[in-house]
PDB file of N, CA and C in Angstrom:
ATOM      1  N   MET A   1     -62.658 -25.612  36.969  1.00  0.00           N
ATOM      2  CA  MET A   1     -63.937 -26.224  36.603  1.00  0.00           C
ATOM      3  C   MET A   1     -63.566 -27.455  35.805  1.00  0.00           C
ATOM      4  N   SER A   2     -64.474 -28.337  35.760  1.00  0.00           N
ATOM      5  CA  SER A   2     -64.169 -29.557  34.922  1.00  0.00           C
ATOM      6  C   SER A   2     -64.664 -29.316  33.439  1.00  0.00           C
ATOM      7  N   ASP A   3     -64.132 -30.157  32.678  1.00  0.00           N
ATOM      8  CA  ASP A   3     -64.587 -30.059  31.218  1.00  0.00           C
ATOM      9  C   ASP A   3     -65.923 -30.730  31.037  1.00  0.00           C
ATOM     10  N   PRO A   4     -66.974 -30.068  30.576  1.00  0.00           N
ATOM     11  CA  PRO A   4     -68.345 -30.714  30.535  1.00  0.00           C
ATOM     12  C   PRO A   4     -68.409 -31.806  29.572  1.00  0.00           C
ATOM     13  N   ARG A   5     -67.314 -31.951  28.659  1.00  0.00           N
ATOM     14  CA  ARG A   5     -67.539 -33.122  27.676  1.00  0.00           C
ATOM     15  C   ARG A   5     -66.991 -34.375  28.171  1.00  0.00           C
ATOM     16  N   LYS A   6     -66.026 -34.227  29.237  1.00  0.00           N
ATOM     17  CA  LYS A   6     -65.429 -35.342  29.856  1.00  0.00           C
ATOM     18  C   LYS A   6     -66.504 -36.080  30.601  1.00  0.00           C
ATOM     19  N   PRO A   7     -66.520 -37.679  30.367  1.00  0.00           N
ATOM     20  CA  PRO A   7     -67.491 -38.396  30.978  1.00  0.00           C
ATOM     21  C   PRO A   7     -67.104 -38.332  32.538  1.00  0.00           C
ATOM     22  N   ARG A   8     -68.291 -38.497  33.246  1.00  0.00           N
ATOM     23  CA  ARG A   8     -68.084 -38.415  34.758  1.00  0.00           C
ATOM     24  C   ARG A   8     -67.864 -39.833  35.285  1.00  0.00           C
ATOM     25  N   THR A   9     -67.180 -39.844  36.321  1.00  0.00           N
ATOM     26  CA  THR A   9     -66.972 -41.158  37.005  1.00  0.00           C
ATOM     27  C   THR A   9     -67.670 -41.257  38.310  1.00  0.00           C
ATOM     28  N   ARG A  10     -67.632 -42.428  38.868  1.00  0.00           N
ATOM     29  CA  ARG A  10     -68.462 -42.563  40.162  1.00  0.00           C
ATOM     30  C   ARG A  10     -67.815 -41.628  41.206  1.00  0.00           C
ATOM     31  N   ALA A  11     -66.469 -41.522  41.172  1.00  0.00           N
ATOM     32  CA  ALA A  11     -65.919 -40.585  42.123  1.00  0.00           C
ATOM     33  C   ALA A  11     -66.375 -39.157  42.014  1.00  0.00           C
ATOM     34  N   ASP A  12     -66.535 -38.741  40.822  1.00  0.00           N
ATOM     35  CA  ASP A  12     -67.125 -37.581  40.541  1.00  0.00           C
ATOM     36  C   ASP A  12     -68.470 -37.171  41.111  1.00  0.00           C
ATOM     37  N   TYR A  13     -69.440 -38.239  41.154  1.00  0.00           N
ATOM     38  CA  TYR A  13     -70.697 -38.053  41.799  1.00  0.00           C
ATOM     39  C   TYR A  13     -70.494 -38.252  43.247  1.00  0.00           C
ATOM     40  N   ALA A  14     -69.677 -39.053  43.839  1.00  0.00           N
ATOM     41  CA  ALA A  14     -69.441 -39.043  45.244  1.00  0.00           C
ATOM     42  C   ALA A  14     -68.966 -37.738  45.735  1.00  0.00           C
ATOM     43  N   ARG A  15     -68.017 -37.107  44.985  1.00  0.00           N
ATOM     44  CA  ARG A  15     -67.473 -35.844  45.501  1.00  0.00           C
ATOM     45  C   ARG A  15     -68.529 -34.762  45.230  1.00  0.00           C
ATOM     46  N   GLY A  16     -69.268 -34.829  44.474  1.00  0.00           N
ATOM     47  CA  GLY A  16     -70.409 -33.704  44.136  1.00  0.00           C
ATOM     48  C   GLY A  16     -70.056 -33.092  42.977  1.00  0.00           C
ATOM     49  N   LEU A  17     -71.214 -32.834  42.157  1.00  0.00           N
ATOM     50  CA  LEU A  17     -70.913 -32.160  40.849  1.00  0.00           C
ATOM     51  C   LEU A  17     -70.658 -30.602  40.941  1.00  0.00           C
ATOM     52  N   PRO A  18     -69.937 -30.122  40.070  1.00  0.00           N
ATOM     53  CA  PRO A  18     -69.702 -28.667  40.170  1.00  0.00           C
ATOM     54  C   PRO A  18     -70.928 -27.735  40.135  1.00  0.00           C
ATOM     55  N   ASP A  19     -70.950 -26.764  40.770  1.00  0.00           N
ATOM     56  CA  ASP A  19     -72.143 -25.798  40.922  1.00  0.00           C
ATOM     57  C   ASP A  19     -73.295 -26.448  41.571  1.00  0.00           C
ATOM     58  N   HIS A  20     -73.148 -27.494  42.310  1.00  0.00           N
ATOM     59  CA  HIS A  20     -74.127 -28.149  43.017  1.00  0.00           C
ATOM     60  C   HIS A  20     -74.236 -27.498  44.450  1.00  0.00           C
ATOM     61  N   HIS A  21     -75.350 -27.076  44.880  1.00  0.00           N
ATOM     62  CA  HIS A  21     -75.393 -26.523  46.250  1.00  0.00           C
ATOM     63  C   HIS A  21     -76.443 -27.258  46.966  1.00  0.00           C
ATOM     64  N   ASP A  22     -76.030 -27.901  48.150  1.00  0.00           N
ATOM     65  CA  ASP A  22     -76.940 -28.632  49.011  1.00  0.00           C
ATOM     66  C   ASP A  22     -77.309 -27.786  50.097  1.00  0.00           C
ATOM     67  N   PRO A  23     -78.535 -27.248  50.250  1.00  0.00           N
ATOM     68  CA  PRO A  23     -78.904 -26.343  51.342  1.00  0.00           C
ATOM     69  C   PRO A  23     -78.866 -26.843  52.653  1.00  0.00           C
ATOM     70  N   THR A  24     -79.100 -28.297  52.584  1.00  0.00           N
ATOM     71  CA  THR A  24     -79.152 -28.833  53.931  1.00  0.00           C
ATOM     72  C   THR A  24     -77.718 -29.467  54.513  1.00  0.00           C
ATOM     73  N   ALA A  25     -76.610 -29.092  53.795  1.00  0.00           N
ATOM     74  CA  ALA A  25     -75.362 -29.702  54.160  1.00  0.00           C
ATOM     75  C   ALA A  25     -74.952 -29.095  55.529  1.00  0.00           C
ATOM     76  N   GLY A  26     -74.581 -30.030  56.429  1.00  0.00           N
ATOM     77  CA  GLY A  26     -74.137 -29.578  57.650  1.00  0.00           C
ATOM     78  C   GLY A  26     -75.216 -29.301  58.625  1.00  0.00           C
ATOM     79  N   ILE A  27     -76.387 -29.303  58.364  1.00  0.00           N
ATOM     80  CA  ILE A  27     -77.560 -29.128  59.351  1.00  0.00           C
ATOM     81  C   ILE A  27     -77.948 -30.434  60.013  1.00  0.00           C
ATOM     82  N   GLY A  28     -77.715 -30.463  61.203  1.00  0.00           N
ATOM     83  CA  GLY A  28     -78.213 -31.622  62.029  1.00  0.00           C
ATOM     84  C   GLY A  28     -77.467 -32.887  61.619  1.00  0.00           C
ATOM     85  N   GLY A  29     -76.202 -32.833  60.963  1.00  0.00           N
ATOM     86  CA  GLY A  29     -75.761 -34.092  60.633  1.00  0.00           C
ATOM     87  C   GLY A  29     -76.520 -34.846  59.394  1.00  0.00           C
ATOM     88  N   ALA A  30     -77.316 -34.204  58.728  1.00  0.00           N
ATOM     89  CA  ALA A  30     -78.128 -34.877  57.637  1.00  0.00           C
ATOM     90  C   ALA A  30     -77.153 -35.498  56.689  1.00  0.00           C
ATOM     91  N   ARG A  31     -77.485 -36.699  56.195  1.00  0.00           N
ATOM     92  CA  ARG A  31     -76.836 -37.188  55.109  1.00  0.00           C
ATOM     93  C   ARG A  31     -77.227 -36.605  53.844  1.00  0.00           C
ATOM     94  N   PRO A  32     -76.298 -36.501  52.770  1.00  0.00           N
ATOM     95  CA  PRO A  32     -76.762 -35.988  51.571  1.00  0.00           C
ATOM     96  C   PRO A  32     -77.763 -36.892  50.770  1.00  0.00           C
ATOM     97  N   ALA A  33     -78.666 -36.219  50.089  1.00  0.00           N
ATOM     98  CA  ALA A  33     -79.705 -37.163  49.427  1.00  0.00           C
ATOM     99  C   ALA A  33     -79.113 -37.854  48.312  1.00  0.00           C
ATOM    100  N   GLN A  34     -79.627 -39.118  48.080  1.00  0.00           N
ATOM    101  CA  GLN A  34     -79.226 -39.875  46.978  1.00  0.00           C
ATOM    102  C   GLN A  34     -80.437 -40.155  46.014  1.00  0.00           C
ATOM    103  N   SER A  35     -80.067 -40.488  44.769  1.00  0.00           N
ATOM    104  CA  SER A  35     -81.034 -40.700  43.895  1.00  0.00           C
ATOM    105  C   SER A  35     -81.614 -42.149  44.099  1.00  0.00           C
ATOM    106  N   ALA A  36     -82.875 -42.294  43.752  1.00  0.00           N
ATOM    107  CA  ALA A  36     -83.319 -43.768  43.956  1.00  0.00           C
ATOM    108  C   ALA A  36     -83.663 -44.322  42.633  1.00  0.00           C
ATOM    109  N   LEU A  37     -82.455 -44.458  41.976  1.00  0.00           N
ATOM    110  CA  LEU A  37     -82.507 -45.000  40.550  1.00  0.00           C
ATOM    111  C   LEU A  37     -83.085 -46.495  40.521  1.00  0.00           C
ATOM    112  N   THR A  38     -82.618 -47.402  41.530  1.00  0.00           N
ATOM    113  CA  THR A  38     -82.986 -48.688  41.596  1.00  0.00           C
ATOM    114  C   THR A  38     -84.522 -48.865  41.741  1.00  0.00           C
ATOM    115  N   LEU A  39     -85.087 -48.028  42.717  1.00  0.00           N
ATOM    116  CA  LEU A  39     -86.534 -47.939  43.018  1.00  0.00           C
ATOM    117  C   LEU A  39     -87.343 -47.557  41.665  1.00  0.00           C
ATOM    118  N   ARG A  40     -86.674 -46.466  40.998  1.00  0.00           N
ATOM    119  CA  ARG A  40     -87.337 -46.032  39.884  1.00  0.00           C
ATOM    120  C   ARG A  40     -87.404 -47.015  38.711  1.00  0.00           C
ATOM    121  N   LEU A  41     -86.303 -47.910  38.660  1.00  0.00           N
ATOM    122  CA  LEU A  41     -86.192 -48.854  37.741  1.00  0.00           C
ATOM    123  C   LEU A  41     -87.271 -49.954  37.904  1.00  0.00           C
ATOM    124  N   VAL A  42     -87.388 -50.356  39.167  1.00  0.00           N
ATOM    125  CA  VAL A  42     -88.362 -51.439  39.617  1.00  0.00           C
ATOM    126  C   VAL A  42     -89.796 -50.910  39.211  1.00  0.00           C
ATOM    127  N   LEU A  43     -90.015 -49.729  39.602  1.00  0.00           N
ATOM    128  CA  LEU A  43     -91.387 -49.152  39.220  1.00  0.00           C
ATOM    129  C   LEU A  43     -91.601 -49.025  37.789  1.00  0.00           C
ATOM    130  N   ALA A  44     -90.612 -48.653  37.120  1.00  0.00           N
ATOM    131  CA  ALA A  44     -90.755 -48.497  35.634  1.00  0.00           C
ATOM    132  C   ALA A  44     -91.021 -49.886  34.998  1.00  0.00           C
ATOM    133  N   VAL A  45     -90.321 -50.862  35.457  1.00  0.00           N
ATOM    134  CA  VAL A  45     -90.437 -52.392  34.846  1.00  0.00           C
ATOM    135  C   VAL A  45     -91.916 -52.757  35.258  1.00  0.00           C
ATOM    136  N   PHE A  46     -92.347 -52.559  36.527  1.00  0.00           N
ATOM    137  CA  PHE A  46     -93.615 -52.853  36.978  1.00  0.00           C
ATOM    138  C   PHE A  46     -94.888 -52.148  36.079  1.00  0.00           C
ATOM    139  N   GLY A  47     -94.524 -50.925  35.790  1.00  0.00           N
ATOM    140  CA  GLY A  47     -95.464 -50.100  34.883  1.00  0.00           C
ATOM    141  C   GLY A  47     -95.471 -50.639  33.569  1.00  0.00           C
ATOM    142  N   LEU A  48     -94.363 -51.047  32.985  1.00  0.00           N
ATOM    143  CA  LEU A  48     -94.298 -51.557  31.730  1.00  0.00           C
ATOM    144  C   LEU A  48     -95.109 -52.933  31.598  1.00  0.00           C
ATOM    145  N   VAL A  49     -94.814 -53.707  32.514  1.00  0.00           N
ATOM    146  CA  VAL A  49     -95.547 -55.090  32.523  1.00  0.00           C
ATOM    147  C   VAL A  49     -97.010 -54.960  32.652  1.00  0.00           C
ATOM    148  N   VAL A  50     -97.477 -54.138  33.581  1.00  0.00           N
ATOM    149  CA  VAL A  50     -98.891 -54.028  33.818  1.00  0.00           C
ATOM    150  C   VAL A  50     -99.648 -53.197  32.678  1.00  0.00           C
ATOM    151  N   SER A  51     -98.953 -52.168  32.181  1.00  0.00           N
ATOM    152  CA  SER A  51     -99.571 -51.501  31.032  1.00  0.00           C
ATOM    153  C   SER A  51     -99.631 -52.334  29.628  1.00  0.00           C
ATOM    154  N   VAL A  52     -98.632 -53.151  29.395  1.00  0.00           N
ATOM    155  CA  VAL A  52     -98.576 -53.842  28.286  1.00  0.00           C
ATOM    156  C   VAL A  52     -99.715 -55.033  28.352  1.00  0.00           C
ATOM    157  N   ALA A  53     -99.511 -55.644  29.447  1.00  0.00           N
ATOM    158  CA  ALA A  53    -100.480 -56.786  29.818  1.00  0.00           C
ATOM    159  C   ALA A  53    -101.958 -56.287  29.771  1.00  0.00           C
ATOM    160  N   GLY A  54    -102.257 -55.115  30.326  1.00  0.00           N
ATOM    161  CA  GLY A  54    -103.555 -54.502  30.328  1.00  0.00           C
ATOM    162  C   GLY A  54    -104.087 -54.206  28.996  1.00  0.00           C
ATOM    163  N   GLY A  55    -103.144 -53.522  28.154  1.00  0.00           N
ATOM    164  CA  GLY A  55    -103.343 -53.179  26.899  1.00  0.00           C
ATOM    165  C   GLY A  55    -103.772 -54.307  25.880  1.00  0.00           C
ATOM    166  N   ILE A  56    -102.904 -55.355  26.052  1.00  0.00           N
ATOM    167  CA  ILE A  56    -103.196 -56.449  25.067  1.00  0.00           C
ATOM    168  C   ILE A  56    -104.466 -57.099  25.559  1.00  0.00           C
ATOM    169  N   ALA A  57    -104.695 -57.257  26.930  1.00  0.00           N
ATOM    170  CA  ALA A  57    -106.012 -57.822  27.333  1.00  0.00           C
ATOM    171  C   ALA A  57    -107.061 -57.022  26.865  1.00  0.00           C
ATOM    172  N   TRP A  58    -107.021 -55.673  27.062  1.00  0.00           N
ATOM    173  CA  TRP A  58    -108.127 -54.774  26.608  1.00  0.00           C
ATOM    174  C   TRP A  58    -108.477 -54.921  25.171  1.00  0.00           C
ATOM    175  N   LEU A  59    -107.475 -54.861  24.286  1.00  0.00           N
ATOM    176  CA  LEU A  59    -107.616 -55.038  22.940  1.00  0.00           C
ATOM    177  C   LEU A  59    -108.240 -56.440  22.537  1.00  0.00           C
ATOM    178  N   ALA A  60    -108.080 -57.338  23.398  1.00  0.00           N
ATOM    179  CA  ALA A  60    -108.670 -58.738  22.918  1.00  0.00           C
ATOM    180  C   ALA A  60    -110.159 -58.878  23.244  1.00  0.00           C
ATOM    181  N   THR A  61    -110.689 -57.757  23.769  1.00  0.00           N
ATOM    182  CA  THR A  61    -112.254 -57.608  24.245  1.00  0.00           C
ATOM    183  C   THR A  61    -112.982 -56.916  23.082  1.00  0.00           C
ATOM    184  N   ASP A  62    -114.102 -56.902  23.148  1.00  0.00           N
ATOM    185  CA  ASP A  62    -115.048 -56.075  22.235  1.00  0.00           C
ATOM    186  C   ASP A  62    -115.302 -54.742  22.490  1.00  0.00           C
ATOM    187  N   LEU A  63    -114.627 -54.228  23.658  1.00  0.00           N
ATOM    188  CA  LEU A  63    -114.814 -52.875  24.071  1.00  0.00           C
ATOM    189  C   LEU A  63    -114.089 -51.936  23.150  1.00  0.00           C
ATOM    190  N   PRO A  64    -114.171 -50.585  23.257  1.00  0.00           N
ATOM    191  CA  PRO A  64    -113.570 -49.631  22.511  1.00  0.00           C
ATOM    192  C   PRO A  64    -112.010 -49.790  22.620  1.00  0.00           C
ATOM    193  N   ALA A  65    -111.343 -49.511  21.552  1.00  0.00           N
ATOM    194  CA  ALA A  65    -109.847 -49.808  21.613  1.00  0.00           C
ATOM    195  C   ALA A  65    -109.068 -48.607  22.177  1.00  0.00           C
ATOM    196  N   TRP A  66    -109.544 -47.461  22.363  1.00  0.00           N
ATOM    197  CA  TRP A  66    -108.698 -46.382  22.754  1.00  0.00           C
ATOM    198  C   TRP A  66    -108.081 -46.597  24.063  1.00  0.00           C
ATOM    199  N   PRO A  67    -108.812 -47.092  25.115  1.00  0.00           N
ATOM    200  CA  PRO A  67    -108.103 -47.425  26.362  1.00  0.00           C
ATOM    201  C   PRO A  67    -106.906 -48.289  26.297  1.00  0.00           C
ATOM    202  N   GLY A  68    -107.057 -49.300  25.518  1.00  0.00           N
ATOM    203  CA  GLY A  68    -105.994 -50.396  25.178  1.00  0.00           C
ATOM    204  C   GLY A  68    -104.723 -49.727  24.560  1.00  0.00           C
ATOM    205  N   VAL A  69    -105.047 -48.816  23.540  1.00  0.00           N
ATOM    206  CA  VAL A  69    -103.969 -48.133  22.958  1.00  0.00           C
ATOM    207  C   VAL A  69    -103.331 -47.152  23.837  1.00  0.00           C
ATOM    208  N   ALA A  70    -104.059 -46.490  24.713  1.00  0.00           N
ATOM    209  CA  ALA A  70    -103.391 -45.596  25.713  1.00  0.00           C
ATOM    210  C   ALA A  70    -102.574 -46.393  26.808  1.00  0.00           C
ATOM    211  N   LEU A  71    -103.040 -47.654  27.046  1.00  0.00           N
ATOM    212  CA  LEU A  71    -102.164 -48.445  27.925  1.00  0.00           C
ATOM    213  C   LEU A  71    -100.834 -48.818  27.224  1.00  0.00           C
ATOM    214  N   LEU A  72    -101.043 -49.130  26.036  1.00  0.00           N
ATOM    215  CA  LEU A  72     -99.599 -49.448  25.191  1.00  0.00           C
ATOM    216  C   LEU A  72     -98.675 -48.189  24.912  1.00  0.00           C
ATOM    217  N   VAL A  73     -99.329 -46.989  24.875  1.00  0.00           N
ATOM    218  CA  VAL A  73     -98.476 -45.889  24.758  1.00  0.00           C
ATOM    219  C   VAL A  73     -97.723 -45.606  26.161  1.00  0.00           C
ATOM    220  N   LEU A  74     -98.523 -45.735  27.298  1.00  0.00           N
ATOM    221  CA  LEU A  74     -97.916 -45.862  28.598  1.00  0.00           C
ATOM    222  C   LEU A  74     -96.786 -46.781  28.797  1.00  0.00           C
ATOM    223  N   GLY A  75     -96.961 -47.981  28.161  1.00  0.00           N
ATOM    224  CA  GLY A  75     -95.844 -48.915  28.113  1.00  0.00           C
ATOM    225  C   GLY A  75     -94.700 -48.488  27.290  1.00  0.00           C
ATOM    226  N   ALA A  76     -94.802 -47.711  26.283  1.00  0.00           N
ATOM    227  CA  ALA A  76     -93.716 -47.223  25.479  1.00  0.00           C
ATOM    228  C   ALA A  76     -93.057 -46.076  26.270  1.00  0.00           C
ATOM    229  N   VAL A  77     -93.847 -45.264  26.971  1.00  0.00           N
ATOM    230  CA  VAL A  77     -93.161 -44.248  27.947  1.00  0.00           C
ATOM    231  C   VAL A  77     -92.232 -45.023  29.016  1.00  0.00           C
ATOM    232  N   ALA A  78     -92.835 -46.083  29.524  1.00  0.00           N
ATOM    233  CA  ALA A  78     -92.018 -46.765  30.498  1.00  0.00           C
ATOM    234  C   ALA A  78     -90.810 -47.337  29.836  1.00  0.00           C
ATOM    235  N   VAL A  79     -90.794 -47.904  28.671  1.00  0.00           N
ATOM    236  CA  VAL A  79     -89.575 -48.382  28.023  1.00  0.00           C
ATOM    237  C   VAL A  79     -88.445 -47.141  27.912  1.00  0.00           C
ATOM    238  N   VAL A  80     -88.944 -46.125  27.584  1.00  0.00           N
ATOM    239  CA  VAL A  80     -88.012 -44.899  27.292  1.00  0.00           C
ATOM    240  C   VAL A  80     -87.385 -44.598  28.802  1.00  0.00           C
ATOM    241  N   ASP A  81     -88.310 -44.576  29.756  1.00  0.00           N
ATOM    242  CA  ASP A  81     -87.811 -44.268  31.191  1.00  0.00           C
ATOM    243  C   ASP A  81     -86.892 -45.430  31.632  1.00  0.00           C
ATOM    244  N   ILE A  82     -86.987 -46.668  31.277  1.00  0.00           N
ATOM    245  CA  ILE A  82     -86.119 -47.781  31.602  1.00  0.00           C
ATOM    246  C   ILE A  82     -84.662 -47.465  30.910  1.00  0.00           C
ATOM    247  N   VAL A  83     -84.721 -47.038  29.784  1.00  0.00           N
ATOM    248  CA  VAL A  83     -83.453 -46.739  29.020  1.00  0.00           C
ATOM    249  C   VAL A  83     -82.756 -45.691  29.585  1.00  0.00           C
ATOM    250  N   VAL A  84     -83.357 -44.695  29.989  1.00  0.00           N
ATOM    251  CA  VAL A  84     -82.833 -43.520  30.681  1.00  0.00           C
ATOM    252  C   VAL A  84     -82.081 -43.917  31.997  1.00  0.00           C
ATOM    253  N   ILE A  85     -82.882 -44.677  32.813  1.00  0.00           N
ATOM    254  CA  ILE A  85     -82.407 -45.139  34.050  1.00  0.00           C
ATOM    255  C   ILE A  85     -81.186 -46.033  33.982  1.00  0.00           C
ATOM    256  N   VAL A  86     -81.246 -47.067  32.988  1.00  0.00           N
ATOM    257  CA  VAL A  86     -80.132 -47.882  32.757  1.00  0.00           C
ATOM    258  C   VAL A  86     -78.805 -47.242  32.214  1.00  0.00           C
ATOM    259  N   ARG A  87     -79.009 -46.066  31.404  1.00  0.00           N
ATOM    260  CA  ARG A  87     -77.941 -45.321  30.872  1.00  0.00           C
ATOM    261  C   ARG A  87     -77.302 -44.626  32.212  1.00  0.00           C
ATOM    262  N   ARG A  88     -78.167 -44.096  33.029  1.00  0.00           N
ATOM    263  CA  ARG A  88     -77.655 -43.393  34.160  1.00  0.00           C
ATOM    264  C   ARG A  88     -76.885 -44.282  35.224  1.00  0.00           C
ATOM    265  N   LYS A  89     -77.424 -45.386  35.357  1.00  0.00           N
ATOM    266  CA  LYS A  89     -76.764 -46.475  36.155  1.00  0.00           C
ATOM    267  C   LYS A  89     -75.423 -46.962  35.589  1.00  0.00           C
ATOM    268  N   ALA A  90     -75.433 -47.100  34.386  1.00  0.00           N
ATOM    269  CA  ALA A  90     -74.144 -47.554  33.622  1.00  0.00           C
ATOM    270  C   ALA A  90     -73.133 -46.532  33.783  1.00  0.00           C
ATOM    271  N   ARG A  91     -73.544 -45.159  33.847  1.00  0.00           N
ATOM    272  CA  ARG A  91     -72.577 -44.212  33.858  1.00  0.00           C
ATOM    273  C   ARG A  91     -72.002 -44.054  35.253  1.00  0.00           C
ATOM    274  N   GLY A  92     -72.583 -44.671  36.184  1.00  0.00           N
ATOM    275  CA  GLY A  92     -71.927 -44.711  37.414  1.00  0.00           C
ATOM    276  C   GLY A  92     -72.610 -43.849  38.570  1.00  0.00           C
ATOM    277  N   GLU A  93     -73.784 -43.341  38.339  1.00  0.00           N
ATOM    278  CA  GLU A  93     -74.532 -42.512  39.226  1.00  0.00           C
ATOM    279  C   GLU A  93     -75.015 -43.468  40.438  1.00  0.00           C
ATOM    280  N   PRO A  94     -74.831 -43.110  41.641  1.00  0.00           N
ATOM    281  CA  PRO A  94     -75.246 -43.940  42.753  1.00  0.00           C
ATOM    282  C   PRO A  94     -76.759 -43.892  42.854  1.00  0.00           C
ATOM    283  N   GLY A  95     -77.198 -45.028  43.454  1.00  0.00           N
ATOM    284  CA  GLY A  95     -78.748 -45.148  43.722  1.00  0.00           C
ATOM    285  C   GLY A  95     -79.162 -46.411  43.133  1.00  0.00           C
TER     286      GLY A  95
END
């Protein structure tokens, strides 16, 4: 078994992680599933832009402030998601 503290390489992910079981392996010649990190990154950036722009636009009006604040909080969540995705991609995970 591999050392859990050792950083994983791209080859480790291509080979498959230890204790990973793919129930569809070998059935009908199906390819192994891959993570859609790039799509997730694009959607997170889109969510960040829309929520921050919407929050700022909402706060510029005379309407109640809580929906604008909620949009800015969603923008902060999108920033955290972007950081997680970029770290996973830099680590060499496919997708």
